[in-house]
Amino acid sequence: MVEVGRRHRGAAGEAGFVGGRWGGVGDDVVEGLVRRLGDVAGALGTLLLAPHEEEDLPAVLDRICREVPRAVPDADAVSVTLPGERGPETGAATDRLALELDLAQYRAGEGPCLEAARTGRVQRVIAAEVPGRWPAFGAEAGQSGVTGFLSVPLRTDEDRLGSLNLYGARSGFGKLDVALAEVCTTAVEAALRNARHYLRARGQVDQVRRALTSRAVIDQAKGIVMAVHRIGADEAFAMLVERSQQENVKVRDVAERFVDDVVRGG
């Protein structure tokens, strides 16, 4: 068996990379590997895409869950567990099965996704092993039809861990699945960082835009007050502030209503 990360010399009849080609490996196997690598590369490329303008964090998480099965075909359902203020919560899931398995672990206070987030270590188990490791979760998981569980720690921010959860209904997960899931997790962490930076920057832009809009309408109101009462800018602004305090509303709202009244001839 060829192990990932090791070089093998190809003797006669043995599998190995010799003279620029694989010896002892059929073309169909090589083509399958190439297709698998293509799927993985495509999934990783999509995971690393910068968020679209209309995408919020839940949309990014949904995209993550849709793409992971392309890289790990044995995953029939995928979810992302995030640390929340009141405990773990599911940020996104491919289907009801993944969500229900997550919720069962949260209720039980145990299971592969919580173990991965708590210990920072990959959890790979088959269905028969679950009752012995997590009895409370095993009581519910036994009815799900899932045969393999794979949870990989996911760093959601600088000091907190969640997990990327894969559930298989056809077989257990192998070592290659673990390696691919870990690669996906690295891409997911990068995608989450990109999303946070993008959303933070977009929020700052929105704040600046709102501030500029507020300043503009206040300046308009000040100009009108100055013209009507023949006073200076500071006195006009003081009048707007006094009005806002009397009505217990923001100066911007007072200014906006005042300008609207003048425009309508009120």
C-alpha atoms as a PDB file:
ATOM      1  CA  MET A   1       0.000   0.000   0.000  1.00  0.00           C
ATOM      2  CA  VAL A   2       1.392   3.365  -0.969  1.00  0.00           C
ATOM      3  CA  GLU A   3       1.437   5.715   2.026  1.00  0.00           C
ATOM      4  CA  VAL A   4       0.856   9.420   1.642  1.00  0.00           C
ATOM      5  CA  GLY A   5       3.986  11.495   2.126  1.00  0.00           C
ATOM      6  CA  ARG A   6       6.515   8.683   1.453  1.00  0.00           C
ATOM      7  CA  ARG A   7       8.573   7.943  -1.648  1.00  0.00           C
ATOM      8  CA  HIS A   8       8.531   4.423  -3.006  1.00  0.00           C
ATOM      9  CA  ARG A   9      10.909   2.784  -5.427  1.00  0.00           C
ATOM     10  CA  GLY A  10       9.083   0.777  -8.045  1.00  0.00           C
ATOM     11  CA  ALA A  11      10.582  -2.670  -8.469  1.00  0.00           C
ATOM     12  CA  ALA A  12       9.304  -4.975 -11.176  1.00  0.00           C
ATOM     13  CA  GLY A  13       5.570  -5.438 -10.726  1.00  0.00           C
ATOM     14  CA  GLU A  14       5.420  -2.997  -7.806  1.00  0.00           C
ATOM     15  CA  ALA A  15       3.683   0.355  -7.631  1.00  0.00           C
ATOM     16  CA  GLY A  16       6.097   3.280  -7.761  1.00  0.00           C
ATOM     17  CA  PHE A  17       6.980   6.486  -9.564  1.00  0.00           C
ATOM     18  CA  VAL A  18       9.690   5.474 -12.030  1.00  0.00           C
ATOM     19  CA  GLY A  19      11.004   7.318 -15.074  1.00  0.00           C
ATOM     20  CA  GLY A  20       8.330  10.005 -14.920  1.00  0.00           C
ATOM     21  CA  ARG A  21       5.361   7.648 -14.692  1.00  0.00           C
ATOM     22  CA  TRP A  22       3.637   5.354 -12.204  1.00  0.00           C
ATOM     23  CA  GLY A  23       4.571   1.719 -12.571  1.00  0.00           C
ATOM     24  CA  GLY A  24       2.227  -1.066 -11.525  1.00  0.00           C
ATOM     25  CA  VAL A  25      -0.783   1.284 -11.259  1.00  0.00           C
ATOM     26  CA  GLY A  26      -3.577   1.021 -13.794  1.00  0.00           C
ATOM     27  CA  ASP A  27      -4.616   4.012 -15.875  1.00  0.00           C
ATOM     28  CA  ASP A  28      -8.084   3.887 -14.338  1.00  0.00           C
ATOM     29  CA  VAL A  29      -6.575   4.270 -10.843  1.00  0.00           C
ATOM     30  CA  VAL A  30      -4.429   7.197 -11.958  1.00  0.00           C
ATOM     31  CA  GLU A  31      -7.424   8.834 -13.656  1.00  0.00           C
ATOM     32  CA  GLY A  32      -9.440   8.356 -10.486  1.00  0.00           C
ATOM     33  CA  LEU A  33      -6.726  10.027  -8.416  1.00  0.00           C
ATOM     34  CA  VAL A  34      -6.521  12.897 -10.879  1.00  0.00           C
ATOM     35  CA  ARG A  35     -10.288  13.406 -10.721  1.00  0.00           C
ATOM     36  CA  ARG A  36     -10.160  13.260  -6.918  1.00  0.00           C
ATOM     37  CA  LEU A  37      -7.386  15.853  -6.814  1.00  0.00           C
ATOM     38  CA  GLY A  38      -9.352  18.026  -9.237  1.00  0.00           C
ATOM     39  CA  ASP A  39     -12.419  17.868  -6.990  1.00  0.00           C
ATOM     40  CA  VAL A  40     -10.319  18.735  -3.945  1.00  0.00           C
ATOM     41  CA  ALA A  41      -8.658  21.664  -5.727  1.00  0.00           C
ATOM     42  CA  GLY A  42     -12.017  22.941  -6.947  1.00  0.00           C
ATOM     43  CA  ALA A  43     -13.550  22.720  -3.484  1.00  0.00           C
ATOM     44  CA  LEU A  44     -10.592  24.466  -1.868  1.00  0.00           C
ATOM     45  CA  GLY A  45     -10.705  27.213  -4.484  1.00  0.00           C
ATOM     46  CA  THR A  46     -14.379  27.850  -3.752  1.00  0.00           C
ATOM     47  CA  LEU A  47     -13.794  27.787   0.002  1.00  0.00           C
ATOM     48  CA  LEU A  48     -11.106  30.450  -0.302  1.00  0.00           C
ATOM     49  CA  LEU A  49     -13.209  32.809  -2.418  1.00  0.00           C
ATOM     50  CA  ALA A  50     -13.697  36.222  -0.874  1.00  0.00           C
ATOM     51  CA  PRO A  51     -17.278  36.798   0.322  1.00  0.00           C
ATOM     52  CA  HIS A  52     -19.649  38.319  -2.220  1.00  0.00           C
ATOM     53  CA  GLU A  53     -21.160  41.685  -1.415  1.00  0.00           C
ATOM     54  CA  GLU A  54     -24.500  40.076  -0.558  1.00  0.00           C
ATOM     55  CA  GLU A  55     -22.982  37.273   1.539  1.00  0.00           C
ATOM     56  CA  ASP A  56     -23.141  37.393   5.306  1.00  0.00           C
ATOM     57  CA  LEU A  57     -21.426  34.912   7.629  1.00  0.00           C
ATOM     58  CA  PRO A  58     -24.266  32.313   7.505  1.00  0.00           C
ATOM     59  CA  ALA A  59     -24.062  32.365   3.707  1.00  0.00           C
ATOM     60  CA  VAL A  60     -20.295  31.769   3.862  1.00  0.00           C
ATOM     61  CA  LEU A  61     -20.846  28.837   6.248  1.00  0.00           C
ATOM     62  CA  ASP A  62     -23.499  27.375   3.935  1.00  0.00           C
ATOM     63  CA  ARG A  63     -21.031  27.556   1.052  1.00  0.00           C
ATOM     64  CA  ILE A  64     -18.443  25.761   3.172  1.00  0.00           C
ATOM     65  CA  CYS A  65     -20.814  22.901   3.964  1.00  0.00           C
ATOM     66  CA  ARG A  66     -21.759  22.483   0.297  1.00  0.00           C
ATOM     67  CA  GLU A  67     -18.158  22.325  -0.878  1.00  0.00           C
ATOM     68  CA  VAL A  68     -16.641  19.928   1.683  1.00  0.00           C
ATOM     69  CA  PRO A  69     -18.326  16.785   0.218  1.00  0.00           C
ATOM     70  CA  ARG A  70     -16.599  17.537  -3.094  1.00  0.00           C
ATOM     71  CA  ALA A  71     -13.245  17.114  -1.351  1.00  0.00           C
ATOM     72  CA  VAL A  72     -14.355  14.251   0.908  1.00  0.00           C
ATOM     73  CA  PRO A  73     -16.865  12.165  -1.090  1.00  0.00           C
ATOM     74  CA  ASP A  74     -17.484   9.777   1.824  1.00  0.00           C
ATOM     75  CA  ALA A  75     -19.153  12.666   3.676  1.00  0.00           C
ATOM     76  CA  ASP A  76     -22.920  12.365   3.194  1.00  0.00           C
ATOM     77  CA  ALA A  77     -23.711  15.228   5.571  1.00  0.00           C
ATOM     78  CA  VAL A  78     -21.622  18.114   6.846  1.00  0.00           C
ATOM     79  CA  SER A  79     -22.020  20.744   9.542  1.00  0.00           C
ATOM     80  CA  VAL A  80     -20.014  23.440  11.290  1.00  0.00           C
ATOM     81  CA  THR A  81     -20.103  23.754  15.076  1.00  0.00           C
ATOM     82  CA  LEU A  82     -19.315  27.211  16.440  1.00  0.00           C
ATOM     83  CA  PRO A  83     -18.778  28.362  20.032  1.00  0.00           C
ATOM     84  CA  GLY A  84     -21.707  30.536  21.093  1.00  0.00           C
ATOM     85  CA  GLU A  85     -22.446  32.695  24.105  1.00  0.00           C
ATOM     86  CA  ARG A  86     -24.727  30.013  25.569  1.00  0.00           C
ATOM     87  CA  GLY A  87     -22.739  27.019  24.366  1.00  0.00           C
ATOM     88  CA  PRO A  88     -22.004  25.309  21.056  1.00  0.00           C
ATOM     89  CA  GLU A  89     -24.287  25.984  18.123  1.00  0.00           C
ATOM     90  CA  THR A  90     -24.524  24.866  14.512  1.00  0.00           C
ATOM     91  CA  GLY A  91     -23.577  27.648  12.128  1.00  0.00           C
ATOM     92  CA  ALA A  92     -24.601  25.721   9.017  1.00  0.00           C
ATOM     93  CA  ALA A  93     -25.484  22.176   7.936  1.00  0.00           C
ATOM     94  CA  THR A  94     -26.073  20.452   4.626  1.00  0.00           C
ATOM     95  CA  ASP A  95     -29.297  18.811   5.758  1.00  0.00           C
ATOM     96  CA  ARG A  96     -31.577  17.872   8.640  1.00  0.00           C
ATOM     97  CA  LEU A  97     -29.535  14.756   9.464  1.00  0.00           C
ATOM     98  CA  ALA A  98     -26.364  16.744  10.207  1.00  0.00           C
ATOM     99  CA  LEU A  99     -28.294  19.305  12.250  1.00  0.00           C
ATOM    100  CA  GLU A 100     -30.090  16.650  14.307  1.00  0.00           C
ATOM    101  CA  LEU A 101     -26.829  14.831  15.062  1.00  0.00           C
ATOM    102  CA  ASP A 102     -25.247  18.106  16.163  1.00  0.00           C
ATOM    103  CA  LEU A 103     -28.205  18.949  18.393  1.00  0.00           C
ATOM    104  CA  ALA A 104     -28.134  15.462  19.910  1.00  0.00           C
ATOM    105  CA  GLN A 105     -24.516  16.055  20.943  1.00  0.00           C
ATOM    106  CA  TYR A 106     -25.314  19.454  22.425  1.00  0.00           C
ATOM    107  CA  ARG A 107     -28.159  17.942  24.469  1.00  0.00           C
ATOM    108  CA  ALA A 108     -25.977  15.079  25.643  1.00  0.00           C
ATOM    109  CA  GLY A 109     -23.006  17.324  26.347  1.00  0.00           C
ATOM    110  CA  GLU A 110     -20.759  14.838  24.546  1.00  0.00           C
ATOM    111  CA  GLY A 111     -19.909  13.484  21.132  1.00  0.00           C
ATOM    112  CA  PRO A 112     -17.263  13.796  18.418  1.00  0.00           C
ATOM    113  CA  CYS A 113     -17.916  17.441  17.532  1.00  0.00           C
ATOM    114  CA  LEU A 114     -17.707  18.586  21.167  1.00  0.00           C
ATOM    115  CA  GLU A 115     -14.683  16.373  21.799  1.00  0.00           C
ATOM    116  CA  ALA A 116     -12.851  17.828  18.799  1.00  0.00           C
ATOM    117  CA  ALA A 117     -13.589  21.392  19.917  1.00  0.00           C
ATOM    118  CA  ARG A 118     -12.654  20.646  23.540  1.00  0.00           C
ATOM    119  CA  THR A 119      -9.414  18.742  22.946  1.00  0.00           C
ATOM    120  CA  GLY A 120      -8.255  20.236  19.650  1.00  0.00           C
ATOM    121  CA  ARG A 121      -7.839  16.721  18.244  1.00  0.00           C
ATOM    122  CA  VAL A 122      -9.463  14.948  15.322  1.00  0.00           C
ATOM    123  CA  GLN A 123     -12.235  12.519  16.270  1.00  0.00           C
ATOM    124  CA  ARG A 124     -12.774   9.590  13.864  1.00  0.00           C
ATOM    125  CA  VAL A 125     -15.110   6.811  14.982  1.00  0.00           C
ATOM    126  CA  ILE A 126     -17.460   4.252  13.520  1.00  0.00           C
ATOM    127  CA  ALA A 127     -21.004   3.806  14.761  1.00  0.00           C
ATOM    128  CA  ALA A 128     -20.182   0.718  16.839  1.00  0.00           C
ATOM    129  CA  GLU A 129     -17.645   2.716  18.892  1.00  0.00           C
ATOM    130  CA  VAL A 130     -19.959   5.606  19.765  1.00  0.00           C
ATOM    131  CA  PRO A 131     -21.941   4.035  22.659  1.00  0.00           C
ATOM    132  CA  GLY A 132     -18.747   3.073  24.455  1.00  0.00           C
ATOM    133  CA  ARG A 133     -17.216   6.540  24.194  1.00  0.00           C
ATOM    134  CA  TRP A 134     -20.296   8.746  24.459  1.00  0.00           C
ATOM    135  CA  PRO A 135     -23.214   6.712  25.881  1.00  0.00           C
ATOM    136  CA  ALA A 136     -25.749   9.546  26.050  1.00  0.00           C
ATOM    137  CA  PHE A 137     -25.100  10.612  22.466  1.00  0.00           C
ATOM    138  CA  GLY A 138     -24.874   6.994  21.326  1.00  0.00           C
ATOM    139  CA  ALA A 139     -28.446   6.358  22.462  1.00  0.00           C
ATOM    140  CA  GLU A 140     -29.693   8.891  19.886  1.00  0.00           C
ATOM    141  CA  ALA A 141     -27.057   8.370  17.197  1.00  0.00           C
ATOM    142  CA  GLY A 142     -27.880   4.677  16.936  1.00  0.00           C
ATOM    143  CA  GLN A 143     -31.168   5.495  15.219  1.00  0.00           C
ATOM    144  CA  SER A 144     -29.646   7.842  12.621  1.00  0.00           C
ATOM    145  CA  GLY A 145     -28.270   5.274  10.175  1.00  0.00           C
ATOM    146  CA  VAL A 146     -24.883   7.017  10.178  1.00  0.00           C
ATOM    147  CA  THR A 147     -21.951   4.603  10.134  1.00  0.00           C
ATOM    148  CA  GLY A 148     -18.998   7.004  10.340  1.00  0.00           C
ATOM    149  CA  PHE A 149     -18.279  10.180  12.300  1.00  0.00           C
ATOM    150  CA  LEU A 150     -15.399  12.562  11.620  1.00  0.00           C
ATOM    151  CA  SER A 151     -14.960  15.866  13.472  1.00  0.00           C
ATOM    152  CA  VAL A 152     -11.944  18.111  12.920  1.00  0.00           C
ATOM    153  CA  PRO A 153     -11.086  21.040  15.244  1.00  0.00           C
ATOM    154  CA  LEU A 154     -11.851  24.394  13.660  1.00  0.00           C
ATOM    155  CA  ARG A 155     -10.282  27.602  14.944  1.00  0.00           C
ATOM    156  CA  THR A 156     -13.068  30.153  14.690  1.00  0.00           C
ATOM    157  CA  ASP A 157     -11.089  32.994  16.260  1.00  0.00           C
ATOM    158  CA  GLU A 158      -7.871  33.520  18.184  1.00  0.00           C
ATOM    159  CA  ASP A 159      -8.824  31.637  21.340  1.00  0.00           C
ATOM    160  CA  ARG A 160     -11.883  29.508  20.594  1.00  0.00           C
ATOM    161  CA  LEU A 161     -12.397  26.236  18.768  1.00  0.00           C
ATOM    162  CA  GLY A 162     -15.373  24.837  16.941  1.00  0.00           C
ATOM    163  CA  SER A 163     -15.407  21.845  14.623  1.00  0.00           C
ATOM    164  CA  LEU A 164     -16.033  20.763  11.061  1.00  0.00           C
ATOM    165  CA  ASN A 165     -18.262  17.683  11.248  1.00  0.00           C
ATOM    166  CA  LEU A 166     -18.603  14.980   8.601  1.00  0.00           C
ATOM    167  CA  TYR A 167     -21.148  12.186   8.800  1.00  0.00           C
ATOM    168  CA  GLY A 168     -21.044   9.120   6.545  1.00  0.00           C
ATOM    169  CA  ALA A 169     -23.963   6.777   5.909  1.00  0.00           C
ATOM    170  CA  ARG A 170     -22.139   4.308   3.635  1.00  0.00           C
ATOM    171  CA  SER A 171     -18.959   3.448   5.508  1.00  0.00           C
ATOM    172  CA  GLY A 172     -16.512   4.718   8.093  1.00  0.00           C
ATOM    173  CA  PHE A 173     -13.923   7.352   7.274  1.00  0.00           C
ATOM    174  CA  GLY A 174     -10.361   6.344   6.377  1.00  0.00           C
ATOM    175  CA  LYS A 175      -7.013   8.029   6.905  1.00  0.00           C
ATOM    176  CA  LEU A 176      -7.226   9.717   3.511  1.00  0.00           C
ATOM    177  CA  ASP A 177     -10.579  11.216   4.510  1.00  0.00           C
ATOM    178  CA  VAL A 178      -8.967  12.582   7.673  1.00  0.00           C
ATOM    179  CA  ALA A 179      -6.122  14.155   5.691  1.00  0.00           C
ATOM    180  CA  LEU A 180      -8.525  15.718   3.195  1.00  0.00           C
ATOM    181  CA  ALA A 181     -10.813  16.989   5.977  1.00  0.00           C
ATOM    182  CA  GLU A 182      -7.837  18.593   7.724  1.00  0.00           C
ATOM    183  CA  VAL A 183      -6.857  20.336   4.479  1.00  0.00           C
ATOM    184  CA  CYS A 184     -10.458  21.533   4.140  1.00  0.00           C
ATOM    185  CA  THR A 185     -10.404  22.801   7.719  1.00  0.00           C
ATOM    186  CA  THR A 186      -7.337  24.906   6.979  1.00  0.00           C
ATOM    187  CA  ALA A 187      -9.180  26.407   4.013  1.00  0.00           C
ATOM    188  CA  VAL A 188     -12.324  26.905   6.102  1.00  0.00           C
ATOM    189  CA  GLU A 189     -10.346  28.774   8.774  1.00  0.00           C
ATOM    190  CA  ALA A 190      -8.905  31.023   6.067  1.00  0.00           C
ATOM    191  CA  ALA A 191     -12.399  31.552   4.622  1.00  0.00           C
ATOM    192  CA  LEU A 192     -13.744  32.526   8.041  1.00  0.00           C
ATOM    193  CA  ARG A 193     -10.883  34.980   8.545  1.00  0.00           C
ATOM    194  CA  ASN A 194     -11.530  36.489   5.119  1.00  0.00           C
ATOM    195  CA  ALA A 195     -15.246  36.737   5.871  1.00  0.00           C
ATOM    196  CA  ARG A 196     -14.658  38.413   9.242  1.00  0.00           C
ATOM    197  CA  HIS A 197     -12.223  40.923   7.737  1.00  0.00           C
ATOM    198  CA  TYR A 198     -14.559  41.647   4.834  1.00  0.00           C
ATOM    199  CA  LEU A 199     -17.652  42.063   7.017  1.00  0.00           C
ATOM    200  CA  ARG A 200     -15.717  44.206   9.488  1.00  0.00           C
ATOM    201  CA  ALA A 201     -14.462  46.435   6.676  1.00  0.00           C
ATOM    202  CA  ARG A 202     -17.934  46.628   5.140  1.00  0.00           C
ATOM    203  CA  GLY A 203     -19.349  47.585   8.529  1.00  0.00           C
ATOM    204  CA  GLN A 204     -16.785  50.359   8.871  1.00  0.00           C
ATOM    205  CA  VAL A 205     -17.611  51.642   5.398  1.00  0.00           C
ATOM    206  CA  ASP A 206     -21.319  51.646   6.278  1.00  0.00           C
ATOM    207  CA  GLN A 207     -20.567  53.551   9.487  1.00  0.00           C
ATOM    208  CA  VAL A 208     -18.576  56.159   7.582  1.00  0.00           C
ATOM    209  CA  ARG A 209     -21.343  56.449   4.983  1.00  0.00           C
ATOM    210  CA  ARG A 210     -23.972  56.936   7.703  1.00  0.00           C
ATOM    211  CA  ALA A 211     -21.760  59.480   9.459  1.00  0.00           C
ATOM    212  CA  LEU A 212     -21.273  61.457   6.247  1.00  0.00           C
ATOM    213  CA  THR A 213     -24.999  61.363   5.522  1.00  0.00           C
ATOM    214  CA  SER A 214     -25.771  62.571   9.048  1.00  0.00           C
ATOM    215  CA  ARG A 215     -23.238  65.367   8.762  1.00  0.00           C
ATOM    216  CA  ALA A 216     -24.705  66.488   5.436  1.00  0.00           C
ATOM    217  CA  VAL A 217     -28.291  66.720   6.676  1.00  0.00           C
ATOM    218  CA  ILE A 218     -27.204  68.501   9.874  1.00  0.00           C
ATOM    219  CA  ASP A 219     -25.244  71.027   7.820  1.00  0.00           C
ATOM    220  CA  GLN A 220     -28.321  71.602   5.657  1.00  0.00           C
ATOM    221  CA  ALA A 221     -30.483  72.216   8.716  1.00  0.00           C
ATOM    222  CA  LYS A 222     -27.877  74.548  10.226  1.00  0.00           C
ATOM    223  CA  GLY A 223     -27.762  76.570   7.018  1.00  0.00           C
ATOM    224  CA  ILE A 224     -31.535  76.996   7.012  1.00  0.00           C
ATOM    225  CA  VAL A 225     -31.609  77.995  10.693  1.00  0.00           C
ATOM    226  CA  MET A 226     -28.780  80.489  10.113  1.00  0.00           C
ATOM    227  CA  ALA A 227     -30.667  82.077   7.203  1.00  0.00           C
ATOM    228  CA  VAL A 228     -34.004  82.249   8.988  1.00  0.00           C
ATOM    229  CA  HIS A 229     -32.721  83.546  12.333  1.00  0.00           C
ATOM    230  CA  ARG A 230     -29.668  85.396  10.970  1.00  0.00           C
ATOM    231  CA  ILE A 231     -27.326  83.723  13.459  1.00  0.00           C
ATOM    232  CA  GLY A 232     -23.945  82.002  13.295  1.00  0.00           C
ATOM    233  CA  ALA A 233     -23.216  78.316  12.714  1.00  0.00           C
ATOM    234  CA  ASP A 234     -22.529  77.552  16.388  1.00  0.00           C
ATOM    235  CA  GLU A 235     -25.779  79.141  17.523  1.00  0.00           C
ATOM    236  CA  ALA A 236     -27.725  77.307  14.830  1.00  0.00           C
ATOM    237  CA  PHE A 237     -26.229  73.968  15.880  1.00  0.00           C
ATOM    238  CA  ALA A 238     -26.993  74.755  19.538  1.00  0.00           C
ATOM    239  CA  MET A 239     -30.637  75.303  18.596  1.00  0.00           C
ATOM    240  CA  LEU A 240     -30.769  71.894  16.899  1.00  0.00           C
ATOM    241  CA  VAL A 241     -29.157  70.222  19.915  1.00  0.00           C
ATOM    242  CA  GLU A 242     -31.627  71.905  22.267  1.00  0.00           C
ATOM    243  CA  ARG A 243     -34.536  70.713  20.131  1.00  0.00           C
ATOM    244  CA  SER A 244     -33.183  67.154  20.095  1.00  0.00           C
ATOM    245  CA  GLN A 245     -32.895  67.160  23.886  1.00  0.00           C
ATOM    246  CA  GLN A 246     -36.440  68.429  24.293  1.00  0.00           C
ATOM    247  CA  GLU A 247     -37.805  65.701  22.030  1.00  0.00           C
ATOM    248  CA  ASN A 248     -35.321  63.056  23.231  1.00  0.00           C
ATOM    249  CA  VAL A 249     -34.238  62.162  19.717  1.00  0.00           C
ATOM    250  CA  LYS A 250     -30.932  62.342  17.863  1.00  0.00           C
ATOM    251  CA  VAL A 251     -29.757  65.624  16.359  1.00  0.00           C
ATOM    252  CA  ARG A 252     -29.642  63.939  12.955  1.00  0.00           C
ATOM    253  CA  ASP A 253     -33.347  63.025  13.215  1.00  0.00           C
ATOM    254  CA  VAL A 254     -34.279  66.565  14.217  1.00  0.00           C
ATOM    255  CA  ALA A 255     -32.252  67.977  11.328  1.00  0.00           C
ATOM    256  CA  GLU A 256     -33.717  65.521   8.814  1.00  0.00           C
ATOM    257  CA  ARG A 257     -37.300  66.259   9.871  1.00  0.00           C
ATOM    258  CA  PHE A 258     -36.623  70.012   9.817  1.00  0.00           C
ATOM    259  CA  VAL A 259     -35.176  69.895   6.296  1.00  0.00           C
ATOM    260  CA  ASP A 260     -38.091  67.727   5.084  1.00  0.00           C
ATOM    261  CA  ASP A 261     -40.606  70.213   6.535  1.00  0.00           C
ATOM    262  CA  VAL A 262     -38.874  73.117   4.793  1.00  0.00           C
ATOM    263  CA  VAL A 263     -38.734  71.242   1.465  1.00  0.00           C
ATOM    264  CA  ARG A 264     -42.467  70.405   1.716  1.00  0.00           C
ATOM    265  CA  GLY A 265     -43.229  74.022   2.676  1.00  0.00           C
ATOM    266  CA  GLY A 266     -44.347  73.061   6.178  1.00  0.00           C
END
